[in-house]
């Protein structure tokens, strides 16, 4: 797309919100409401300063006076990953002495010879630590294995430890909670702990979870989360690990499924504040809505029609109560203004163009007048397969913008269907 003049400006585009001080309203104005949630999809880099800044913005203090607590339980490299968080926030003006490592862990960090962090496993019950939570302004949950966070903060019967109860009270009174990767997974009431899309769509669920290896393959593993985010089911590392199928399977078939799923890309954060959702970072956020989905058949492989997908980029805003999208400044509608008119092939993976969701929907479907649907194929074991169909109707809209010369697409109300197939492969 070489020129912006071929597009029609969105009538409902809003002024862009900076990713600095204006990104979230002042905490002081909402002290009687729950604090902001900054839920990051993992693999953060130094360049993602806007995500770290989003933790600071709601707090009605100078950066130098902000007190940050860090929960390290998920990581096996406590010293190293804590140090990186200290570096990230001191670059933004926090005083190092105001950043505090909260002694909550399950495993020992072998890099620290003078302390055995595995001895912190029962510290969720430490009343003194619980009382100290009230001294903080924000809490950051490190990434790693999310089951370690819940192991140290939940009792065996699923009830809150004193420290978790204190964190809930802290958040209910305006305290900011943030986390990345595993620290994002724990945010919803149900926690996606393991499995991949293929395993979940074809095989369903498993109770077995032995190590972080289970995060990468097999049936979905669902465990209780901490429930700070109640609007839907969170999944993370969403783009690179292709977790759309995993999230959808849990939403449709698991007893703890919910009709709204939120998939957060790596290097990206969902920012929840004052009943409004925004995006920070370099990727996007996928919204999966099954409220009007229909099931031609139950069980596995998953069969479903009329799932609705949305995708948000930095600068977009979403109001979950009304379902309204407010699109970033400078974005243009694709419907009726399609740039491309090219036939599309079956999307089959590594040798197909536009392999990720945003590119497939944007380039091949919404900004292409030659087709009303695009199709992908997933092949499982035992001759099982799934045809995955993305289509558009009168409710669908795409939004195109450019970052320098990079084309970016967000969208709302794209239809998705899964159709089980029997696959037979033959060599010539």
Protein backbone atom coordinates (compact mmCIF):
# COMPACT_ATOMS: atom_id res chain seq x y z
CA UNK A 1 0.00 0.00 0.00
CA UNK A 2 1.85 2.98 -1.24
CA UNK A 3 -0.49 5.79 -0.36
CA UNK A 4 -2.96 6.66 2.32
CA UNK A 5 -5.11 8.76 -0.04
CA UNK A 6 -6.81 5.67 -1.48
CA UNK A 7 -8.54 5.13 1.87
CA UNK A 8 -11.55 6.60 3.62
CA UNK A 9 -10.83 7.92 7.12
CA UNK A 10 -12.81 6.30 9.90
CA UNK A 11 -15.51 8.62 11.12
CA UNK A 12 -15.22 7.15 14.59
CA UNK A 13 -11.45 7.29 14.86
CA UNK A 14 -10.31 8.93 18.05
CA UNK A 15 -7.33 11.04 18.84
CA UNK A 16 -4.37 8.79 19.52
CA UNK A 17 -3.57 8.33 23.16
CA UNK A 18 0.07 8.57 23.99
CA UNK A 19 1.74 5.61 25.63
CA UNK A 20 3.07 7.95 28.24
CA UNK A 21 1.19 9.72 30.99
CA UNK A 22 -2.18 9.80 29.20
CA UNK A 23 -2.47 6.07 28.67
CA UNK A 24 -4.32 5.38 31.90
CA UNK A 25 -6.27 7.75 34.10
CA UNK A 26 -4.93 8.78 37.49
CA UNK A 27 -5.18 6.21 40.24
CA UNK A 28 -6.19 8.95 42.65
CA UNK A 29 -9.46 9.46 40.77
CA UNK A 30 -10.37 5.79 41.17
CA UNK A 31 -8.99 4.97 44.60
CA UNK A 32 -12.27 3.25 45.54
CA UNK A 33 -12.20 1.09 42.40
CA UNK A 34 -9.97 -1.86 41.55
CA UNK A 35 -6.53 -0.90 40.32
CA UNK A 36 -5.34 -1.23 36.77
CA UNK A 37 -4.20 -4.58 35.36
CA UNK A 38 -1.26 -4.73 32.94
CA UNK A 39 -1.30 -8.22 31.44
CA UNK A 40 1.66 -8.92 29.13
CA UNK A 41 1.98 -11.82 26.70
CA UNK A 42 5.63 -12.62 27.40
CA UNK A 43 9.05 -12.11 25.80
CA UNK A 44 9.37 -8.46 26.80
CA UNK A 45 12.35 -6.47 25.56
CA UNK A 46 14.04 -3.25 26.61
CA UNK A 47 12.22 -1.54 23.74
CA UNK A 48 8.84 -2.25 25.36
CA UNK A 49 9.12 0.77 27.63
CA UNK A 50 5.47 1.64 27.07
CA UNK A 51 4.44 -1.56 28.86
CA UNK A 52 6.55 -0.81 31.92
CA UNK A 53 5.39 2.82 31.79
CA UNK A 54 1.79 1.61 31.88
CA UNK A 55 2.45 0.20 35.35
CA UNK A 56 3.57 3.61 36.56
CA UNK A 57 0.94 5.79 34.89
CA UNK A 58 -2.03 5.05 37.19
CA UNK A 59 -0.06 5.81 40.35
CA UNK A 60 -0.48 9.32 41.69
CA UNK A 61 3.13 9.71 42.80
CA UNK A 62 6.41 10.74 41.29
CA UNK A 63 8.26 7.74 39.86
CA UNK A 64 11.00 8.05 42.48
CA UNK A 65 8.46 7.50 45.26
CA UNK A 66 6.66 4.50 43.75
CA UNK A 67 7.07 1.22 45.65
CA UNK A 68 7.06 -1.90 43.50
CA UNK A 69 6.88 -5.49 44.72
CA UNK A 70 8.06 -8.34 42.49
CA UNK A 71 6.67 -11.89 42.80
CA UNK A 72 9.39 -14.24 41.46
CA UNK A 73 7.67 -17.59 42.05
CA UNK A 74 7.25 -18.58 38.38
CA UNK A 75 10.89 -18.28 37.33
CA UNK A 76 13.83 -20.59 37.94
CA UNK A 77 16.22 -17.66 37.48
CA UNK A 78 15.03 -15.43 40.28
CA UNK A 79 18.17 -13.33 40.60
CA UNK A 80 18.57 -12.74 36.87
CA UNK A 81 14.97 -11.96 36.01
CA UNK A 82 14.44 -9.83 39.10
CA UNK A 83 17.52 -7.84 38.11
CA UNK A 84 16.07 -7.21 34.65
CA UNK A 85 12.86 -5.85 36.14
CA UNK A 86 14.87 -3.58 38.43
CA UNK A 87 16.76 -2.27 35.39
CA UNK A 88 13.54 -1.70 33.42
CA UNK A 89 11.86 0.31 36.14
CA UNK A 90 14.88 2.28 37.34
CA UNK A 91 15.27 3.49 33.74
CA UNK A 92 11.82 4.99 34.16
CA UNK A 93 12.72 6.77 37.38
CA UNK A 94 11.93 4.32 40.17
CA UNK A 95 14.44 4.22 42.99
CA UNK A 96 16.16 0.84 43.26
CA UNK A 97 15.63 0.79 47.02
CA UNK A 98 11.86 1.05 46.41
CA UNK A 99 11.77 -2.13 44.30
CA UNK A 100 11.33 -5.12 46.55
CA UNK A 101 11.66 -8.84 45.89
CA UNK A 102 8.77 -10.60 47.62
CA UNK A 103 10.04 -13.95 49.01
CA UNK A 104 7.53 -16.21 47.28
CA UNK A 105 8.94 -19.19 45.40
CA UNK A 106 8.77 -22.95 44.97
CA UNK A 107 12.15 -23.83 43.47
CA UNK A 108 15.69 -22.86 44.42
CA UNK A 109 17.67 -20.56 42.14
CA UNK A 110 21.01 -22.39 41.86
CA UNK A 111 22.70 -19.10 40.92
CA UNK A 112 22.26 -17.74 44.45
CA UNK A 113 24.58 -19.71 46.71
CA UNK A 114 23.72 -17.84 49.90
CA UNK A 115 19.96 -18.48 49.85
CA UNK A 116 17.68 -21.43 49.12
CA UNK A 117 14.57 -19.90 47.57
CA UNK A 118 12.70 -23.22 47.78
CA UNK A 119 12.39 -22.48 51.50
CA UNK A 120 10.01 -19.66 50.53
CA UNK A 121 7.33 -22.16 49.46
CA UNK A 122 5.21 -21.58 52.58
CA UNK A 123 5.62 -17.81 52.66
CA UNK A 124 2.14 -17.30 51.25
CA UNK A 125 1.02 -17.97 54.82
CA UNK A 126 3.43 -15.43 56.32
CA UNK A 127 1.30 -12.85 58.13
CA UNK A 128 4.14 -10.32 58.29
CA UNK A 129 4.66 -10.53 54.53
CA UNK A 130 0.90 -10.21 54.02
CA UNK A 131 0.81 -7.05 56.12
CA UNK A 132 3.65 -5.53 54.10
CA UNK A 133 1.67 -5.71 50.82
CA UNK A 134 -0.22 -2.59 51.88
CA UNK A 135 3.04 -0.61 51.68
CA UNK A 136 3.27 -1.13 47.90
CA UNK A 137 1.88 0.80 44.94
CA UNK A 138 2.23 -1.94 42.31
CA UNK A 139 3.04 -5.64 42.09
CA UNK A 140 4.75 -7.37 39.14
CA UNK A 141 4.51 -11.14 38.59
CA UNK A 142 7.52 -12.58 36.74
CA UNK A 143 7.11 -15.11 33.94
CA UNK A 144 7.98 -18.80 33.91
CA UNK A 145 5.73 -21.59 35.16
CA UNK A 146 2.34 -20.29 36.26
CA UNK A 147 1.62 -23.37 38.38
CA UNK A 148 4.40 -22.26 40.72
CA UNK A 149 2.62 -18.96 41.37
CA UNK A 150 -0.63 -20.65 42.29
CA UNK A 151 1.24 -23.28 44.33
CA UNK A 152 2.65 -20.63 46.65
CA UNK A 153 -0.42 -18.33 46.79
CA UNK A 154 -3.30 -20.82 46.96
CA UNK A 155 -3.96 -23.27 49.77
CA UNK A 156 -4.39 -26.94 48.84
CA UNK A 157 -8.18 -26.54 49.07
CA UNK A 158 -8.06 -23.63 46.60
CA UNK A 159 -8.62 -20.90 49.16
CA UNK A 160 -6.45 -17.80 49.47
CA UNK A 161 -3.31 -17.74 51.55
CA UNK A 162 -2.96 -14.62 53.74
CA UNK A 163 -0.59 -13.06 51.20
CA UNK A 164 -3.01 -13.61 48.31
CA UNK A 165 -5.85 -12.22 50.41
CA UNK A 166 -3.71 -9.14 51.04
CA UNK A 167 -2.95 -8.80 47.31
CA UNK A 168 -6.69 -8.97 46.53
CA UNK A 169 -7.42 -6.27 49.09
CA UNK A 170 -4.53 -4.18 47.71
CA UNK A 171 -5.93 -4.44 44.17
CA UNK A 172 -9.52 -3.76 45.23
CA UNK A 173 -8.41 -0.44 46.71
CA UNK A 174 -6.59 0.75 43.60
CA UNK A 175 -3.27 -1.08 43.69
CA UNK A 176 -1.81 -1.90 40.28
CA UNK A 177 -1.19 -5.54 39.34
CA UNK A 178 1.01 -6.50 36.40
CA UNK A 179 2.60 -9.62 35.04
CA UNK A 180 4.08 -11.22 31.96
CA UNK A 181 3.74 -14.73 30.50
CA UNK A 182 3.01 -16.90 33.55
CA UNK A 183 2.21 -13.65 35.35
CA UNK A 184 -0.51 -13.10 32.74
CA UNK A 185 -1.86 -16.65 32.83
CA UNK A 186 -2.71 -16.40 36.53
CA UNK A 187 -4.85 -13.29 36.05
CA UNK A 188 -8.10 -15.00 34.99
CA UNK A 189 -10.24 -17.25 37.17
CA UNK A 190 -9.30 -20.32 35.14
CA UNK A 191 -5.65 -20.68 34.20
CA UNK A 192 -4.34 -22.25 31.02
CA UNK A 193 -1.34 -24.18 32.28
CA UNK A 194 -0.38 -26.50 29.43
CA UNK A 195 -1.09 -27.98 26.03
CA UNK A 196 -1.07 -26.66 22.48
CA UNK A 197 -3.75 -26.01 19.87
CA UNK A 198 -3.43 -29.34 18.11
CA UNK A 199 -3.57 -31.31 21.34
CA UNK A 200 -6.55 -29.35 22.67
CA UNK A 201 -8.60 -29.40 19.46
CA UNK A 202 -8.10 -33.11 18.77
CA UNK A 203 -7.66 -34.64 22.24
CA UNK A 204 -9.25 -32.23 24.70
CA UNK A 205 -7.91 -32.00 28.22
CA UNK A 206 -5.53 -33.62 30.66
CA UNK A 207 -4.93 -33.30 34.38
CA UNK A 208 -1.27 -34.25 33.98
CA UNK A 209 1.30 -31.49 34.39
CA UNK A 210 4.86 -32.53 35.17
CA UNK A 211 6.99 -29.61 34.01
CA UNK A 212 7.11 -26.59 31.72
CA UNK A 213 7.51 -29.02 28.81
CA UNK A 214 3.77 -29.63 29.13
CA UNK A 215 3.20 -26.02 28.11
CA UNK A 216 4.35 -26.83 24.59
CA UNK A 217 2.38 -29.92 23.52
CA UNK A 218 -0.53 -32.22 24.16
CA UNK A 219 -4.05 -31.77 25.52
CA UNK A 220 -4.91 -28.58 27.35
CA UNK A 221 -4.27 -28.42 31.09
CA UNK A 222 -6.57 -26.07 33.00
CA UNK A 223 -6.00 -25.12 36.62
CA UNK A 224 -7.55 -22.54 38.96
CA UNK A 225 -6.19 -19.04 38.41
CA UNK A 226 -6.17 -16.10 40.79
CA UNK A 227 -9.15 -14.30 39.24
CA UNK A 228 -7.97 -10.70 39.21
CA UNK A 229 -9.37 -10.41 35.66
CA UNK A 230 -12.99 -11.59 35.60
CA UNK A 231 -14.13 -10.59 32.10
CA UNK A 232 -12.80 -13.62 30.25
CA UNK A 233 -10.14 -16.28 29.83
CA UNK A 234 -6.54 -15.13 29.29
CA UNK A 235 -3.95 -16.84 27.10
CA UNK A 236 -0.43 -15.56 26.37
CA UNK A 237 2.43 -16.07 23.90
CA UNK A 238 -0.57 -16.12 21.61
CA UNK A 239 0.88 -15.38 18.20
CA UNK A 240 4.16 -17.29 18.20
CA UNK A 241 2.78 -20.37 19.93
CA UNK A 242 -0.40 -20.37 17.79
CA UNK A 243 -2.70 -20.76 20.79
CA UNK A 244 -5.99 -19.73 19.17
CA UNK A 245 -7.10 -23.36 18.96
CA UNK A 246 -6.14 -24.09 22.56
CA UNK A 247 -8.05 -21.10 23.86
CA UNK A 248 -11.10 -21.91 21.75
CA UNK A 249 -11.18 -25.55 22.85
CA UNK A 250 -11.16 -24.56 26.52
CA UNK A 251 -13.87 -21.94 25.96
CA UNK A 252 -16.16 -24.44 24.22
CA UNK A 253 -15.58 -27.75 25.99
CA UNK A 254 -14.09 -27.26 29.44
CA UNK A 255 -16.32 -26.94 32.48
CA UNK A 256 -14.53 -23.71 33.36
CA UNK A 257 -14.83 -22.26 29.86
CA UNK A 258 -16.06 -18.70 29.31
CA UNK A 259 -17.66 -17.03 26.25
CA UNK A 260 -14.90 -14.42 25.90
CA UNK A 261 -11.26 -15.27 25.41
CA UNK A 262 -8.33 -12.87 25.23
CA UNK A 263 -5.12 -13.89 23.49
CA UNK A 264 -2.14 -11.61 24.13
CA UNK A 265 0.77 -11.59 21.69
CA UNK A 266 4.38 -11.62 22.82
CA UNK A 267 5.83 -8.17 23.43
CA UNK A 268 2.32 -6.87 24.03
CA UNK A 269 0.14 -6.01 27.02
CA UNK A 270 -3.56 -5.68 27.65
CA UNK A 271 -4.21 -2.69 29.88
CA UNK A 272 -7.44 -2.84 31.86
CA UNK A 273 -8.49 0.32 33.63
CA UNK A 274 -11.83 1.93 34.43
CA UNK A 275 -13.86 -0.49 32.26
CA UNK A 276 -11.70 0.22 29.22
CA UNK A 277 -9.13 -1.97 27.50
CA UNK A 278 -6.09 -0.64 25.68
CA UNK A 279 -3.00 -2.16 24.12
CA UNK A 280 0.68 -1.43 24.64
CA UNK A 281 3.74 -2.97 23.03
CA UNK A 282 4.58 -4.23 19.57
CA UNK A 283 1.89 -6.85 18.81
CA UNK A 284 -1.84 -7.15 19.24
CA UNK A 285 -4.62 -8.75 21.24
CA UNK A 286 -7.11 -11.27 19.87
CA UNK A 287 -10.66 -11.31 21.21
CA UNK A 288 -12.50 -14.62 20.81
CA UNK A 289 -16.29 -14.52 21.27
CA UNK A 290 -18.27 -17.78 21.43
CA UNK A 291 -21.51 -16.27 22.76
CA UNK A 292 -23.35 -16.98 19.48
CA UNK A 293 -21.32 -20.00 18.37
CA UNK A 294 -23.14 -23.15 17.28
CA UNK A 295 -21.90 -26.73 17.59
CA UNK A 296 -22.76 -29.16 14.76
CA UNK A 297 -21.38 -31.87 17.04
CA UNK A 298 -19.80 -32.03 20.49
CA UNK A 299 -16.56 -33.69 21.53
CA UNK A 300 -13.27 -33.90 19.68
CA UNK A 301 -12.04 -32.93 17.16
CA UNK A 302 -13.81 -29.64 17.87
CA UNK A 303 -16.58 -28.72 15.43
CA UNK A 304 -17.97 -25.18 15.66
CA UNK A 305 -19.51 -22.40 13.59
CA UNK A 306 -20.00 -18.65 14.06
CA UNK A 307 -17.17 -17.91 16.44
CA UNK A 308 -16.37 -14.19 16.22
CA UNK A 309 -12.85 -12.78 16.33
CA UNK A 310 -11.54 -9.28 16.94
CA UNK A 311 -7.99 -7.97 16.96
CA UNK A 312 -6.74 -4.83 18.72
CA UNK A 313 -3.53 -2.90 18.09
CA UNK A 314 -1.80 -0.18 20.14
CA UNK A 315 -3.93 2.94 19.93
CA UNK A 316 -7.19 0.98 19.68
CA UNK A 317 -9.58 0.94 22.62
CA UNK A 318 -12.27 -1.57 23.50
CA UNK A 319 -15.22 -1.13 25.86
CA UNK A 320 -16.18 -4.63 27.04
CA UNK A 321 -19.54 -3.62 28.52
CA UNK A 322 -20.87 -2.41 25.16
CA UNK A 323 -18.56 -4.30 22.83
CA UNK A 324 -17.53 -1.04 21.14
CA UNK A 325 -14.25 -0.71 19.23
CA UNK A 326 -12.63 2.71 19.08
CA UNK A 327 -9.95 2.59 16.44
CA UNK A 328 -6.55 4.27 16.46
CA UNK A 329 -6.02 7.59 14.73
CA UNK A 330 -5.00 7.27 11.10
CA UNK A 331 -6.66 3.88 10.53
CA UNK A 332 -8.88 3.30 7.51
CA UNK A 333 -11.74 0.91 6.88
CA UNK A 334 -11.01 -1.88 4.44
CA UNK A 335 -14.62 -2.82 3.61
CA UNK A 336 -15.41 -1.25 0.24
CA UNK A 337 -11.86 0.03 -0.02
CA UNK A 338 -9.94 -3.21 -0.56
CA UNK A 339 -6.42 -2.68 -1.83
CA UNK A 340 -5.83 -6.17 -3.21
CA UNK A 341 -7.70 -8.27 -5.77
CA UNK A 342 -5.78 -11.53 -5.78
CA UNK A 343 -6.76 -15.21 -5.44
CA UNK A 344 -5.75 -16.89 -2.20
CA UNK A 345 -4.49 -20.40 -1.63
CA UNK A 346 -5.08 -22.79 1.24
CA UNK A 347 -3.00 -21.58 4.18
CA UNK A 348 -0.81 -24.53 5.04
CA UNK A 349 1.99 -23.27 7.24
CA UNK A 350 5.67 -22.65 6.73
CA UNK A 351 5.62 -22.15 2.95
CA UNK A 352 2.45 -20.04 2.92
CA UNK A 353 2.49 -16.26 2.95
CA UNK A 354 0.77 -14.35 5.74
CA UNK A 355 1.09 -17.15 8.27
CA UNK A 356 0.02 -15.35 11.42
CA UNK A 357 -3.58 -14.43 12.22
CA UNK A 358 -3.32 -10.67 11.74
CA UNK A 359 -1.65 -11.03 8.33
CA UNK A 360 -3.95 -13.81 7.12
CA UNK A 361 -7.11 -11.92 8.03
CA UNK A 362 -5.79 -8.52 6.97
CA UNK A 363 -3.96 -9.14 3.70
CA UNK A 364 -5.78 -12.23 2.41
CA UNK A 365 -9.36 -11.64 3.58
CA UNK A 366 -10.40 -8.16 4.63
CA UNK A 367 -8.21 -6.08 2.33
CA UNK A 368 -8.76 -8.35 -0.65
CA UNK A 369 -11.81 -7.98 -2.91
CA UNK A 370 -11.19 -11.37 -4.55
CA UNK A 371 -12.49 -13.49 -1.67
CA UNK A 372 -15.05 -13.64 1.11
CA UNK A 373 -13.26 -16.37 3.06
CA UNK A 374 -9.83 -17.87 3.65
CA UNK A 375 -9.07 -21.40 4.73
CA UNK A 376 -6.33 -23.09 6.72
CA UNK A 377 -5.77 -26.77 7.45
CA UNK A 378 -4.60 -28.50 10.62
CA UNK A 379 -3.58 -32.15 10.40
CA UNK A 380 -3.52 -34.29 13.53
CA UNK A 381 -2.83 -37.92 14.31
CA UNK A 382 -4.80 -40.95 13.13
CA UNK A 383 -5.97 -39.34 9.87
CA UNK A 384 -7.74 -36.54 11.72
CA UNK A 385 -7.83 -33.03 10.35
CA UNK A 386 -9.59 -29.70 10.75
CA UNK A 387 -10.58 -27.21 8.09
CA UNK A 388 -10.38 -23.72 9.64
CA UNK A 389 -12.46 -21.13 7.78
CA UNK A 390 -12.32 -17.38 8.37
CA UNK A 391 -15.04 -15.35 6.64
CA UNK A 392 -16.66 -11.93 6.62
CA UNK A 393 -20.24 -10.68 6.60
CA UNK A 394 -22.07 -7.39 7.12
CA UNK A 395 -20.86 -7.20 10.75
CA UNK A 396 -17.19 -7.57 9.82
CA UNK A 397 -14.81 -4.65 9.46
CA UNK A 398 -11.08 -4.35 9.03
CA UNK A 399 -8.87 -1.36 9.81
CA UNK A 400 -5.61 -0.66 8.04
CA UNK A 401 -2.83 1.72 9.09
CA UNK A 402 0.87 2.11 8.48
CA UNK A 403 3.79 2.44 10.85
CA UNK A 404 6.33 3.98 8.51
CA UNK A 405 6.08 1.38 5.72
CA UNK A 406 4.74 -1.48 7.86
CA UNK A 407 1.12 -2.37 7.08
CA UNK A 408 -0.91 -3.22 10.17
CA UNK A 409 -4.46 -4.54 10.46
CA UNK A 410 -6.96 -4.74 13.26
CA UNK A 411 -10.48 -6.03 12.83
CA UNK A 412 -13.79 -6.87 14.45
CA UNK A 413 -16.40 -9.58 13.97
CA UNK A 414 -14.52 -11.91 11.66
CA UNK A 415 -16.32 -15.25 11.57
CA UNK A 416 -14.47 -18.49 12.30
CA UNK A 417 -15.55 -22.10 11.85
CA UNK A 418 -13.88 -25.46 12.45
CA UNK A 419 -14.87 -28.49 10.38
CA UNK A 420 -13.44 -31.95 11.20
CA UNK A 421 -11.98 -33.86 8.26
CA UNK A 422 -10.56 -37.27 7.57
CA UNK A 423 -7.13 -36.82 6.01
CA UNK A 424 -5.31 -39.39 3.92
CA UNK A 425 -1.78 -38.64 2.73
CA UNK A 426 -0.34 -40.55 -0.20
CA UNK A 427 3.11 -40.45 -1.73
CA UNK A 428 3.26 -40.39 -5.55
